[in-house]
Protein backbone atom coordinates (compact mmCIF):
# COMPACT_ATOMS: atom_id res chain seq x y z
CA MET A 1 -93.60 -43.49 -6.35
CA LEU A 2 -91.90 -45.45 -9.16
CA ASN A 3 -93.25 -48.72 -7.79
CA SER A 4 -96.75 -47.20 -7.64
CA ILE A 5 -96.49 -46.18 -11.28
CA LYS A 6 -95.38 -49.68 -12.26
CA VAL A 7 -98.31 -51.21 -10.40
CA LEU A 8 -100.72 -48.75 -11.97
CA SER A 9 -99.29 -49.44 -15.43
CA ALA A 10 -99.75 -53.16 -14.91
CA LEU A 11 -103.34 -52.60 -13.86
CA LEU A 12 -103.97 -50.44 -16.90
CA LEU A 13 -102.49 -53.11 -19.17
CA THR A 14 -104.68 -55.76 -17.55
CA ALA A 15 -107.73 -53.56 -17.95
CA SER A 16 -106.77 -52.97 -21.57
CA PHE A 17 -106.66 -56.69 -22.24
CA VAL A 18 -110.12 -57.01 -20.78
CA LYS A 19 -111.39 -54.12 -22.87
CA ALA A 20 -109.89 -55.70 -26.00
CA GLU A 21 -111.66 -58.94 -25.08
CA VAL A 22 -108.57 -61.12 -25.28
CA ASN A 23 -110.10 -64.60 -25.14
CA PHE A 24 -107.98 -67.36 -23.65
CA ASP A 25 -110.88 -69.79 -23.17
CA ASN A 26 -112.35 -70.32 -26.62
CA GLY A 27 -110.27 -73.39 -27.37
CA LYS A 28 -108.44 -71.73 -30.29
CA PRO A 29 -104.76 -70.76 -30.43
CA VAL A 30 -104.24 -67.18 -29.36
CA ASN A 31 -102.03 -64.97 -31.50
CA LEU A 32 -100.59 -62.78 -28.75
CA SER A 33 -98.79 -60.53 -31.22
CA GLU A 34 -102.08 -59.64 -32.86
CA GLU A 35 -103.84 -59.26 -29.52
CA ILE A 36 -101.07 -56.96 -28.23
CA LYS A 37 -101.46 -54.81 -31.34
CA ASN A 38 -105.17 -54.59 -30.58
CA VAL A 39 -104.44 -53.55 -27.02
CA GLU A 40 -101.86 -50.98 -28.11
CA SER A 41 -104.50 -49.30 -30.25
CA ILE A 42 -106.68 -48.60 -27.20
CA PRO A 43 -106.06 -45.14 -25.64
CA VAL A 44 -104.52 -45.43 -22.18
CA PRO A 45 -105.35 -42.77 -19.55
CA GLN A 46 -102.45 -40.51 -18.68
CA LEU A 47 -101.01 -40.81 -15.19
CA ASP A 48 -101.58 -37.12 -14.51
CA ASP A 49 -105.28 -37.37 -15.39
CA LYS A 50 -107.00 -36.59 -12.09
CA SER A 51 -110.18 -38.34 -13.19
CA LEU A 52 -108.24 -41.61 -13.17
CA PHE A 53 -108.01 -41.50 -9.40
CA LYS A 54 -111.70 -40.77 -8.78
CA ALA A 55 -113.32 -43.93 -7.47
CA GLN A 56 -116.62 -44.52 -9.23
CA LYS A 57 -119.21 -45.37 -6.60
CA GLU A 58 -122.50 -47.20 -6.95
CA TRP A 59 -124.76 -44.17 -6.45
CA THR A 60 -124.61 -40.41 -6.28
CA VAL A 61 -127.73 -38.88 -4.75
CA MET A 62 -128.04 -35.20 -5.68
CA VAL A 63 -130.38 -32.93 -3.72
CA PHE A 64 -131.17 -29.47 -5.10
CA LEU A 65 -132.36 -28.03 -1.78
CA ASN A 66 -133.86 -24.60 -2.34
CA ALA A 67 -134.63 -23.31 1.16
CA LYS A 68 -134.69 -19.67 0.04
CA ASN A 69 -138.28 -19.36 1.26
CA ASP A 70 -140.54 -20.17 4.20
CA LEU A 71 -139.45 -23.83 4.14
CA GLU A 72 -135.95 -22.97 5.36
CA ARG A 73 -136.30 -24.62 8.77
CA PHE A 74 -137.37 -27.86 7.11
CA GLY A 75 -134.31 -27.64 4.87
CA ILE A 76 -132.08 -27.41 7.95
CA LYS A 77 -133.90 -30.41 9.43
CA ASP A 78 -133.53 -32.45 6.24
CA MET A 79 -129.81 -31.71 6.01
CA ASN A 80 -129.40 -33.02 9.54
CA GLU A 81 -131.44 -36.10 8.63
CA MET A 82 -129.03 -36.75 5.78
CA GLU A 83 -126.13 -36.43 8.20
CA MET A 84 -127.65 -39.13 10.38
CA VAL A 85 -126.65 -41.46 7.52
CA GLY A 86 -123.90 -39.69 5.56
CA SER A 87 -122.02 -40.63 2.41
CA SER A 88 -120.15 -43.93 2.32
CA ASP A 89 -117.41 -45.64 0.34
CA MET A 90 -120.10 -46.68 -2.17
CA VAL A 91 -122.60 -43.78 -2.07
CA ASN A 92 -122.18 -40.03 -2.51
CA ILE A 93 -124.78 -37.67 -1.07
CA VAL A 94 -124.28 -34.15 -2.43
CA VAL A 95 -126.46 -31.12 -1.82
CA GLU A 96 -126.78 -27.65 -3.25
CA MET A 97 -128.52 -25.67 -0.51
CA GLY A 98 -129.78 -22.10 -0.60
CA ARG A 99 -130.86 -19.96 2.36
CA ILE A 100 -132.43 -16.53 2.83
CA LYS A 101 -132.85 -14.01 5.66
CA GLY A 102 -136.00 -13.89 7.70
CA TYR A 103 -137.05 -17.47 8.36
CA ASP A 104 -134.39 -19.46 10.26
CA SER A 105 -131.40 -17.99 12.11
CA SER A 106 -129.73 -21.25 13.14
CA ASN A 107 -126.47 -22.70 11.81
CA GLY A 108 -124.81 -19.32 11.42
CA ASP A 109 -127.78 -17.75 9.64
CA TRP A 110 -125.77 -17.67 6.42
CA THR A 111 -127.42 -16.69 3.15
CA GLY A 112 -126.77 -17.54 -0.47
CA VAL A 113 -126.00 -20.96 -1.91
CA LYS A 114 -123.45 -23.60 -0.91
CA ARG A 115 -122.61 -27.10 -2.07
CA PHE A 116 -122.03 -29.87 0.47
CA LEU A 117 -120.74 -33.42 0.55
CA ILE A 118 -122.85 -34.96 3.28
CA GLN A 119 -120.93 -36.73 6.03
CA LYS A 120 -122.27 -38.63 8.98
CA ASP A 121 -122.40 -37.03 12.44
CA ASN A 122 -124.41 -37.38 15.64
CA ASP A 123 -125.58 -33.76 15.98
CA THR A 124 -129.17 -33.48 14.74
CA ASN A 125 -129.28 -29.68 15.06
CA ILE A 126 -126.06 -28.43 13.47
CA ILE A 127 -124.97 -29.03 9.87
CA ASN A 128 -121.37 -30.24 10.07
CA SER A 129 -120.80 -31.56 6.56
CA PRO A 130 -118.02 -29.80 4.65
CA VAL A 131 -118.83 -27.05 2.19
CA VAL A 132 -117.15 -28.10 -1.04
CA GLN A 133 -118.11 -25.01 -3.04
CA GLU A 134 -119.39 -21.52 -2.22
CA MET A 135 -121.82 -20.33 -4.87
CA GLY A 136 -122.70 -16.88 -3.54
CA GLU A 137 -126.07 -15.34 -4.36
CA ARG A 138 -127.30 -17.85 -6.91
CA ASP A 139 -130.81 -17.97 -8.38
CA MET A 140 -132.25 -21.38 -7.52
CA GLY A 141 -135.35 -20.53 -9.53
CA ASP A 142 -133.27 -20.56 -12.72
CA TYR A 143 -133.42 -23.93 -14.48
CA LYS A 144 -129.89 -23.45 -15.83
CA ASN A 145 -128.52 -23.52 -12.30
CA LEU A 146 -130.26 -26.82 -11.59
CA ALA A 147 -128.68 -28.26 -14.73
CA ASP A 148 -125.29 -26.88 -13.69
CA PHE A 149 -125.53 -28.53 -10.26
CA VAL A 150 -126.30 -31.93 -11.75
CA LYS A 151 -123.46 -31.71 -14.27
CA TRP A 152 -121.06 -30.60 -11.54
CA ALA A 153 -122.11 -33.46 -9.26
CA LYS A 154 -121.71 -36.04 -12.02
CA LYS A 155 -118.25 -34.75 -12.85
CA ASN A 156 -116.95 -34.44 -9.31
CA TYR A 157 -118.77 -37.39 -7.71
CA PRO A 158 -119.05 -40.00 -10.48
CA ALA A 159 -121.13 -43.10 -9.92
CA LYS A 160 -122.72 -45.97 -11.80
CA LYS A 161 -126.20 -44.64 -11.03
CA TYR A 162 -127.69 -41.22 -10.20
CA MET A 163 -130.74 -39.94 -8.35
CA LEU A 164 -131.79 -36.28 -8.45
CA ILE A 165 -134.19 -34.76 -5.92
CA VAL A 166 -135.59 -31.25 -6.35
CA TRP A 167 -136.60 -29.93 -2.93
CA ASN A 168 -138.92 -26.95 -2.50
CA HIS A 169 -142.48 -25.80 -3.01
CA GLY A 170 -144.20 -27.39 -5.97
CA SER A 171 -147.54 -26.82 -7.64
CA GLY A 172 -147.63 -29.25 -10.53
CA TRP A 173 -149.84 -27.67 -13.14
CA GLU A 174 -151.98 -25.10 -11.34
CA LYS A 175 -154.05 -22.14 -12.42
CA GLY A 176 -155.53 -20.39 -9.42
CA MET A 177 -152.87 -19.32 -6.93
CA THR A 178 -150.51 -16.44 -7.62
CA ARG A 179 -147.81 -17.19 -5.04
CA ALA A 180 -146.89 -20.57 -6.49
CA THR A 181 -147.83 -20.86 -10.12
CA LYS A 182 -147.23 -23.90 -12.30
CA GLY A 183 -143.84 -25.20 -11.34
CA ILE A 184 -141.22 -25.92 -8.71
CA SER A 185 -138.22 -24.41 -6.86
CA TYR A 186 -139.40 -20.98 -5.74
CA ASP A 187 -136.57 -18.58 -4.86
CA GLU A 188 -137.97 -15.69 -2.80
CA ALA A 189 -134.73 -13.72 -3.10
CA THR A 190 -135.15 -13.42 -6.85
CA GLY A 191 -138.89 -14.02 -7.22
CA HIS A 192 -138.17 -16.70 -9.81
CA HIS A 193 -139.16 -20.35 -10.13
CA MET A 194 -138.96 -23.09 -12.74
CA ASN A 195 -142.13 -23.71 -14.68
CA THR A 196 -142.88 -27.21 -15.95
CA PRO A 197 -141.22 -26.81 -19.39
CA GLN A 198 -138.14 -25.33 -17.70
CA LEU A 199 -137.89 -28.33 -15.37
CA GLY A 200 -137.83 -30.47 -18.50
CA MET A 201 -135.16 -28.24 -20.04
CA ALA A 202 -133.00 -28.47 -16.91
CA LEU A 203 -133.08 -32.26 -16.85
CA LYS A 204 -132.46 -32.53 -20.58
CA GLU A 205 -129.41 -30.26 -20.30
CA ALA A 206 -128.12 -32.09 -17.22
CA GLY A 207 -128.29 -35.55 -18.78
CA LYS A 208 -130.36 -38.55 -17.81
CA VAL A 209 -130.66 -39.80 -14.24
CA ASP A 210 -131.82 -43.18 -13.06
CA VAL A 211 -134.31 -41.82 -10.52
CA TYR A 212 -135.88 -38.36 -10.31
CA GLY A 213 -137.85 -37.32 -7.23
CA SER A 214 -139.82 -34.17 -6.44
CA ASP A 215 -139.62 -33.49 -2.71
CA ALA A 216 -142.33 -30.94 -3.40
CA CYS A 217 -146.09 -30.72 -3.59
CA LEU A 218 -148.47 -31.80 -6.34
CA MET A 219 -145.88 -32.94 -8.89
CA ALA A 220 -147.24 -36.42 -9.74
CA MET A 221 -149.22 -35.17 -12.73
CA ALA A 222 -149.45 -36.33 -16.33
CA GLU A 223 -148.37 -32.85 -17.42
CA VAL A 224 -145.17 -33.02 -15.32
CA ILE A 225 -144.07 -36.60 -15.91
CA TYR A 226 -144.51 -36.22 -19.67
CA GLU A 227 -142.21 -33.20 -19.65
CA ILE A 228 -139.33 -35.13 -18.05
CA LYS A 229 -139.97 -38.66 -19.36
CA ASP A 230 -136.80 -38.82 -21.46
CA SER A 231 -134.52 -37.63 -18.64
CA ALA A 232 -135.17 -40.26 -15.97
CA THR A 233 -135.83 -43.98 -15.81
CA TYR A 234 -138.16 -43.70 -12.80
CA ILE A 235 -140.05 -40.65 -11.56
CA VAL A 236 -141.16 -40.27 -7.92
CA GLY A 237 -143.78 -37.77 -6.78
CA SER A 238 -146.90 -36.92 -4.81
CA GLU A 239 -150.38 -36.20 -6.18
CA GLU A 240 -151.24 -34.26 -3.02
CA THR A 241 -149.36 -31.54 -1.19
CA GLU A 242 -146.49 -32.87 0.90
CA PRO A 243 -146.37 -32.09 4.62
CA GLY A 244 -143.72 -29.48 5.44
CA ASP A 245 -141.34 -32.19 6.60
CA GLY A 246 -141.30 -33.74 3.12
CA TYR A 247 -138.96 -36.69 2.74
CA THR A 248 -137.54 -38.22 5.90
CA TYR A 249 -134.01 -38.52 4.61
CA ASN A 250 -132.52 -40.76 7.28
CA THR A 251 -135.08 -43.53 6.71
CA PHE A 252 -134.84 -43.07 2.94
CA LEU A 253 -131.03 -43.10 2.67
CA ALA A 254 -130.17 -45.69 5.32
CA PRO A 255 -131.37 -48.66 3.22
CA LEU A 256 -129.28 -47.40 0.29
CA ILE A 257 -126.13 -47.16 2.42
CA ALA A 258 -126.83 -50.67 3.73
CA LYS A 259 -127.40 -52.02 0.20
CA PRO A 260 -125.56 -49.75 -2.25
CA ALA A 261 -125.87 -52.21 -5.13
CA MET A 262 -129.65 -51.80 -5.24
CA GLY A 263 -131.02 -50.98 -8.67
CA PRO A 264 -132.93 -47.84 -9.68
CA ALA A 265 -136.39 -49.41 -9.33
CA GLU A 266 -135.57 -50.57 -5.80
CA LEU A 267 -134.31 -47.12 -4.81
CA ALA A 268 -137.45 -45.48 -6.23
CA LYS A 269 -139.57 -47.91 -4.22
CA THR A 270 -137.46 -47.24 -1.13
CA ALA A 271 -138.13 -43.51 -1.51
CA VAL A 272 -141.89 -44.11 -1.74
CA ASP A 273 -141.95 -46.51 1.21
CA ALA A 274 -139.78 -44.39 3.51
CA TYR A 275 -142.00 -41.38 2.88
CA SER A 276 -145.26 -43.27 3.30
CA ASP A 277 -144.13 -45.22 6.36
CA HIS A 278 -143.21 -41.99 8.13
CA TYR A 279 -146.60 -40.34 7.60
CA ARG A 280 -148.45 -43.55 8.35
CA ASP A 281 -146.65 -43.78 11.69
CA ILE A 282 -147.61 -40.22 12.69
CA GLY A 283 -151.17 -40.47 11.35
CA GLU A 284 -150.82 -37.83 8.63
CA GLY A 285 -152.45 -38.14 5.23
CA SER A 286 -150.10 -38.52 2.26
CA THR A 287 -149.69 -39.78 -1.30
CA GLN A 288 -146.50 -40.97 -3.00
CA ALA A 289 -145.77 -43.14 -6.03
CA TYR A 290 -143.23 -43.81 -8.72
CA VAL A 291 -143.84 -44.33 -12.42
CA ARG A 292 -141.93 -46.04 -15.20
CA ALA A 293 -140.80 -43.37 -17.66
CA ASP A 294 -140.55 -45.82 -20.55
CA LYS A 295 -144.31 -46.36 -20.32
CA ILE A 296 -145.28 -42.71 -20.57
CA ASP A 297 -145.57 -42.59 -24.38
CA ASP A 298 -147.98 -45.52 -24.31
CA PHE A 299 -149.78 -43.83 -21.42
CA LEU A 300 -150.36 -40.78 -23.60
CA LYS A 301 -151.82 -43.03 -26.30
CA ALA A 302 -154.22 -44.64 -23.82
CA VAL A 303 -155.32 -41.22 -22.52
CA ASN A 304 -155.85 -39.95 -26.07
CA GLU A 305 -158.00 -42.94 -27.00
CA PHE A 306 -160.11 -42.57 -23.86
CA ALA A 307 -160.58 -38.81 -24.30
CA TYR A 308 -161.42 -39.20 -28.00
CA ALA A 309 -164.00 -41.92 -27.29
CA LEU A 310 -165.62 -39.68 -24.70
CA SER A 311 -165.73 -36.69 -27.04
CA GLN A 312 -167.36 -38.84 -29.73
CA SER A 313 -169.93 -40.23 -27.29
CA GLY A 314 -171.39 -36.83 -26.47
CA GLU A 315 -171.66 -37.80 -22.77
CA LYS A 316 -170.66 -34.44 -21.35
CA GLN A 317 -172.73 -34.85 -18.23
CA VAL A 318 -171.08 -38.16 -17.46
CA VAL A 319 -167.70 -36.39 -17.74
CA LYS A 320 -168.73 -33.47 -15.55
CA ASP A 321 -170.25 -35.69 -12.88
CA ALA A 322 -167.14 -37.90 -12.79
CA MET A 323 -164.86 -34.87 -12.69
CA ASN A 324 -166.74 -33.40 -9.73
CA GLN A 325 -166.67 -36.69 -7.82
CA ALA A 326 -163.11 -37.74 -8.65
CA GLN A 327 -160.38 -37.64 -6.03
CA SER A 328 -158.97 -34.13 -5.94
CA TYR A 329 -156.20 -32.41 -4.02
CA ALA A 330 -155.20 -29.07 -2.52
CA ILE A 331 -155.53 -27.70 -6.03
CA SER A 332 -159.09 -28.79 -6.82
CA GLU A 333 -158.45 -28.87 -10.57
CA ASN A 334 -156.01 -31.76 -10.07
CA LYS A 335 -157.93 -35.04 -10.36
CA ASP A 336 -156.75 -38.59 -9.95
CA LEU A 337 -156.93 -39.91 -13.51
CA TYR A 338 -157.62 -43.54 -12.62
CA HIS A 339 -160.49 -42.59 -10.34
CA PHE A 340 -161.97 -40.28 -12.99
CA ALA A 341 -161.87 -43.09 -15.56
CA GLN A 342 -163.36 -45.50 -13.02
CA LEU A 343 -166.31 -43.20 -12.41
CA VAL A 344 -166.85 -42.69 -16.14
CA VAL A 345 -166.76 -46.44 -16.83
CA ALA A 346 -169.38 -47.01 -14.13
CA LYS A 347 -171.83 -44.53 -15.70
CA THR A 348 -171.25 -44.50 -19.45
CA GLN A 349 -173.72 -46.09 -21.84
CA ASN A 350 -171.12 -46.17 -24.63
CA ALA A 351 -169.30 -49.46 -25.20
CA ASP A 352 -166.21 -47.81 -26.71
CA VAL A 353 -165.88 -45.39 -23.79
CA LYS A 354 -166.20 -48.28 -21.37
CA ALA A 355 -163.54 -50.29 -23.17
CA LYS A 356 -161.10 -47.39 -23.53
CA GLY A 357 -161.64 -46.31 -19.93
CA GLN A 358 -161.02 -49.81 -18.62
CA ALA A 359 -157.91 -50.09 -20.81
CA LEU A 360 -156.57 -46.82 -19.38
CA MET A 361 -157.20 -47.95 -15.80
CA THR A 362 -155.44 -51.25 -16.44
CA PHE A 363 -152.48 -49.48 -18.04
CA ILE A 364 -152.09 -47.07 -15.10
CA LYS A 365 -152.27 -49.86 -12.55
CA ASP A 366 -150.22 -52.54 -14.30
CA LYS A 367 -147.77 -50.63 -16.50
CA LEU A 368 -147.31 -46.95 -15.64
CA VAL A 369 -147.42 -46.79 -11.84
CA ALA A 370 -144.92 -49.25 -10.43
CA HIS A 371 -145.61 -48.58 -6.74
CA ASN A 372 -148.25 -46.42 -5.08
CA ARG A 373 -148.76 -45.70 -1.38
CA THR A 374 -151.42 -43.62 0.37
CA ASN A 375 -152.26 -42.78 3.98
CA ASN A 376 -155.54 -41.46 5.31
CA SER A 377 -155.81 -38.90 8.08
CA GLU A 378 -158.25 -38.72 10.96
CA GLY A 379 -157.77 -34.97 11.39
CA GLY A 380 -156.18 -31.88 9.87
CA TRP A 381 -157.38 -28.52 8.62
CA TRP A 382 -160.50 -29.93 6.97
CA GLY A 383 -161.14 -32.96 9.16
CA PRO A 384 -160.68 -36.62 8.12
CA VAL A 385 -159.12 -37.15 4.70
CA SER A 386 -159.14 -40.30 2.58
CA TYR A 387 -156.74 -40.92 -0.29
CA GLU A 388 -157.90 -44.42 -1.13
CA ASP A 389 -158.94 -43.23 -4.59
CA SER A 390 -155.44 -41.93 -5.35
CA HIS A 391 -153.68 -44.22 -7.82
CA GLY A 392 -150.41 -42.42 -8.51
CA VAL A 393 -151.00 -39.90 -11.29
CA ALA A 394 -153.20 -36.80 -11.41
CA ILE A 395 -154.30 -34.71 -14.37
CA TYR A 396 -155.56 -31.17 -14.93
CA MET A 397 -159.37 -30.92 -15.19
CA PRO A 398 -160.64 -27.35 -14.78
CA SER A 399 -164.37 -26.77 -14.68
CA SER A 400 -164.02 -23.59 -16.73
CA GLY A 401 -161.31 -21.98 -18.81
CA LEU A 402 -157.83 -23.25 -19.62
CA GLY A 403 -154.85 -22.05 -17.59
CA SER A 404 -152.60 -19.54 -19.30
CA GLY A 405 -149.56 -21.33 -20.68
CA TYR A 406 -151.10 -24.81 -20.70
CA ASP A 407 -150.60 -25.00 -24.46
CA GLU A 408 -146.84 -24.54 -23.90
CA LEU A 409 -146.59 -27.93 -22.20
CA ALA A 410 -145.29 -30.90 -24.14
CA TRP A 411 -148.34 -32.80 -22.84
CA ALA A 412 -150.67 -30.30 -24.50
CA LYS A 413 -148.69 -30.42 -27.74
CA TYR A 414 -148.69 -34.19 -28.07
CA SER A 415 -151.93 -35.19 -26.37
CA ASN A 416 -155.50 -34.21 -27.14
CA TRP A 417 -156.24 -33.45 -23.49
CA ASP A 418 -156.51 -29.69 -24.02
CA GLU A 419 -159.00 -30.28 -26.84
CA PHE A 420 -160.90 -32.65 -24.54
CA ILE A 421 -161.06 -29.94 -21.83
CA LYS A 422 -162.43 -27.45 -24.31
CA TRP A 423 -164.98 -30.03 -25.51
CA TYR A 424 -166.49 -30.81 -22.10
CA GLN A 425 -166.49 -27.10 -21.15
CA ALA A 426 -168.35 -26.03 -24.30
CA PRO A 427 -172.11 -25.37 -23.94
């Protein structure tokens, strides 16, 4: 034990010299007495500090997996997909999972919320990863509990880089349905969910992550990404509803385990490609993209200039025709913004509208959306579906009225989009 302490002390002293930037290579005489004084002024971790012995890994991937609803069986499946890969000496995979009675009775049919450190195994039906914390009956629709999970994971599984995935139903910004209204992470045990501002509050409280992903429907919207722009470097999401299977976690995580030093942009791209490749291979329609959060403020400016030019042009019919023809999704009020601008540019007689619309399209394609993937479908509930006019970010465009609470969004406060909606709806 004494020898171990001596070795550790030597390592700490060496690290302290590095931190003090003792320079032996600048060609000048080194005053070691002065340098040692500098080193002695640097606080040295105590030997009984448990955090000292926590190895900082390259990545911690945090999955807030709220299966307290009719998606429970897919949650079980996704946990087993994660276990096909498992954590490694360089990557932590941690999950907060919630379950509820009535949907899936496998794996002990337990209820409540548990936290897991995912470990690799060969059983694709049974979750074998260790439970590291029992949370009891915890409300996964409460944004404070999402923030608490992220802070806990960062403290207990430190890493150089972090990715957070929120897994559940999602509805982006949506007015019509009552079951899933304007938000994410629906907990049927409590009847609660996080609305879009609360998602932003959760991420702000939790601290910034390198990559944020919504394994949930309809979340790639201007209204959503603006709310969380300061809390993530890259934001991954789908304009359309996601199939029940959502992410395919084995094909998403395996490249990270194989190359743990990959940067945040590469991991965001890996998430998009793994998702899109899976649905391409089974012939199911899908959308998935990631955006650069540091471009979102300039994106808002480009949207404002385009909307203002339109409102000054008086071309309401051009707007309405483009809105009706633009790529839409399961929630028909969600329109692909690039495609809407493209249709307007093709029909407008106003030079300023044309210029501002083209500028917005260029910004979305070249600056905001870093990687976009779509798959068409030959069948499904409504027959063949094409997503070729999906470019990575949707926006709310109702034909009448303005959804209750829209003015509470940061997007509505800082953009003129709500005023634009009211303008084209006015007689």
